[in-house]
């Protein structure tokens, strides 16, 4: 579960990314230089990756850790499979 501290750390990043997306929209409408637009897009991607890593870390430290500690093999295997599947998506 996502706790209040993680939310407090993530929401400002989300809001920053929202602003960056609005900025990209303005840049496109203003017909700004392509490389400048691309740099802003890659900054957005970097921000999203950072947030995803924070959420993944939280998931491993809470949900996965609890499943492993519970000694419930079915739940443990389910959480391991989730991690493998999300890794596959990230690594594409």
Protein backbone atom coordinates (compact mmCIF):
# COMPACT_ATOMS: atom_id res chain seq x y z
CA UNK A 1 0.00 0.00 0.00
CA UNK A 2 1.11 3.53 -0.69
CA UNK A 3 1.55 5.43 2.56
CA UNK A 4 1.21 9.15 3.28
CA UNK A 5 4.97 9.77 3.12
CA UNK A 6 5.26 8.23 -0.34
CA UNK A 7 2.25 10.25 -1.52
CA UNK A 8 3.87 13.40 -0.11
CA UNK A 9 7.05 12.61 -2.06
CA UNK A 10 5.36 11.63 -5.32
CA UNK A 11 2.63 14.25 -5.74
CA UNK A 12 4.99 17.20 -6.22
CA UNK A 13 6.78 15.21 -8.91
CA UNK A 14 3.47 14.42 -10.61
CA UNK A 15 2.52 18.09 -10.53
CA UNK A 16 5.90 19.05 -12.00
CA UNK A 17 5.37 16.55 -14.83
CA UNK A 18 1.90 17.98 -15.47
CA UNK A 19 3.50 21.39 -15.86
CA UNK A 20 6.14 19.97 -18.19
CA UNK A 21 3.46 18.37 -20.35
CA UNK A 22 1.64 21.69 -20.55
CA UNK A 23 4.97 23.22 -21.52
CA UNK A 24 5.43 20.72 -24.34
CA UNK A 25 1.97 21.55 -25.62
CA UNK A 26 2.84 25.27 -25.65
CA UNK A 27 6.16 24.58 -27.33
CA UNK A 28 4.44 22.64 -30.09
CA UNK A 29 1.84 25.35 -30.61
CA UNK A 30 4.62 27.94 -30.73
CA UNK A 31 6.48 25.79 -33.28
CA UNK A 32 9.58 25.75 -31.11
CA UNK A 33 12.80 24.06 -32.12
CA UNK A 34 12.35 20.27 -32.30
CA UNK A 35 15.38 19.48 -30.14
CA UNK A 36 14.08 21.75 -27.36
CA UNK A 37 10.75 19.93 -27.42
CA UNK A 38 12.46 16.55 -27.39
CA UNK A 39 14.61 17.55 -24.41
CA UNK A 40 11.47 18.48 -22.50
CA UNK A 41 9.83 15.17 -23.46
CA UNK A 42 12.86 13.22 -22.21
CA UNK A 43 12.75 15.18 -18.95
CA UNK A 44 9.13 14.07 -18.56
CA UNK A 45 10.07 10.46 -19.27
CA UNK A 46 12.86 10.68 -16.69
CA UNK A 47 10.45 12.04 -14.11
CA UNK A 48 7.96 9.26 -14.77
CA UNK A 49 10.70 6.65 -14.48
CA UNK A 50 11.76 8.10 -11.13
CA UNK A 51 8.18 7.94 -9.84
CA UNK A 52 7.76 4.38 -11.11
CA UNK A 53 10.92 3.31 -9.29
CA UNK A 54 9.67 4.89 -6.06
CA UNK A 55 6.38 3.02 -6.37
CA UNK A 56 8.10 -0.24 -7.27
CA UNK A 57 10.44 0.07 -4.28
CA UNK A 58 7.46 0.69 -2.02
CA UNK A 59 5.68 -2.35 -3.46
CA UNK A 60 8.69 -4.59 -2.83
CA UNK A 61 9.22 -3.22 0.68
CA UNK A 62 5.56 -3.69 1.65
CA UNK A 63 3.43 -6.06 -0.41
CA UNK A 64 6.19 -8.40 -1.59
CA UNK A 65 7.96 -8.43 1.76
CA UNK A 66 4.69 -9.22 3.56
CA UNK A 67 3.91 -12.05 1.15
CA UNK A 68 7.34 -13.59 1.67
CA UNK A 69 7.11 -13.22 5.46
CA UNK A 70 3.68 -14.83 5.54
CA UNK A 71 5.13 -18.12 4.26
CA UNK A 72 2.09 -18.42 1.99
CA UNK A 73 3.66 -19.99 -1.10
CA UNK A 74 0.77 -19.09 -3.39
CA UNK A 75 0.86 -15.42 -2.37
CA UNK A 76 4.67 -15.32 -2.49
CA UNK A 77 4.72 -16.76 -6.01
CA UNK A 78 2.01 -14.34 -7.11
CA UNK A 79 4.09 -11.36 -5.94
CA UNK A 80 7.24 -12.72 -7.58
CA UNK A 81 5.33 -13.17 -10.84
CA UNK A 82 4.06 -9.58 -10.59
CA UNK A 83 7.62 -8.29 -10.24
CA UNK A 84 8.80 -10.35 -13.20
CA UNK A 85 5.92 -9.12 -15.37
CA UNK A 86 6.46 -5.46 -14.51
CA UNK A 87 10.18 -5.88 -15.17
CA UNK A 88 9.38 -7.26 -18.62
CA UNK A 89 7.25 -4.17 -19.35
CA UNK A 90 9.93 -1.77 -18.09
CA UNK A 91 12.69 -3.41 -20.05
CA UNK A 92 11.02 -3.02 -23.46
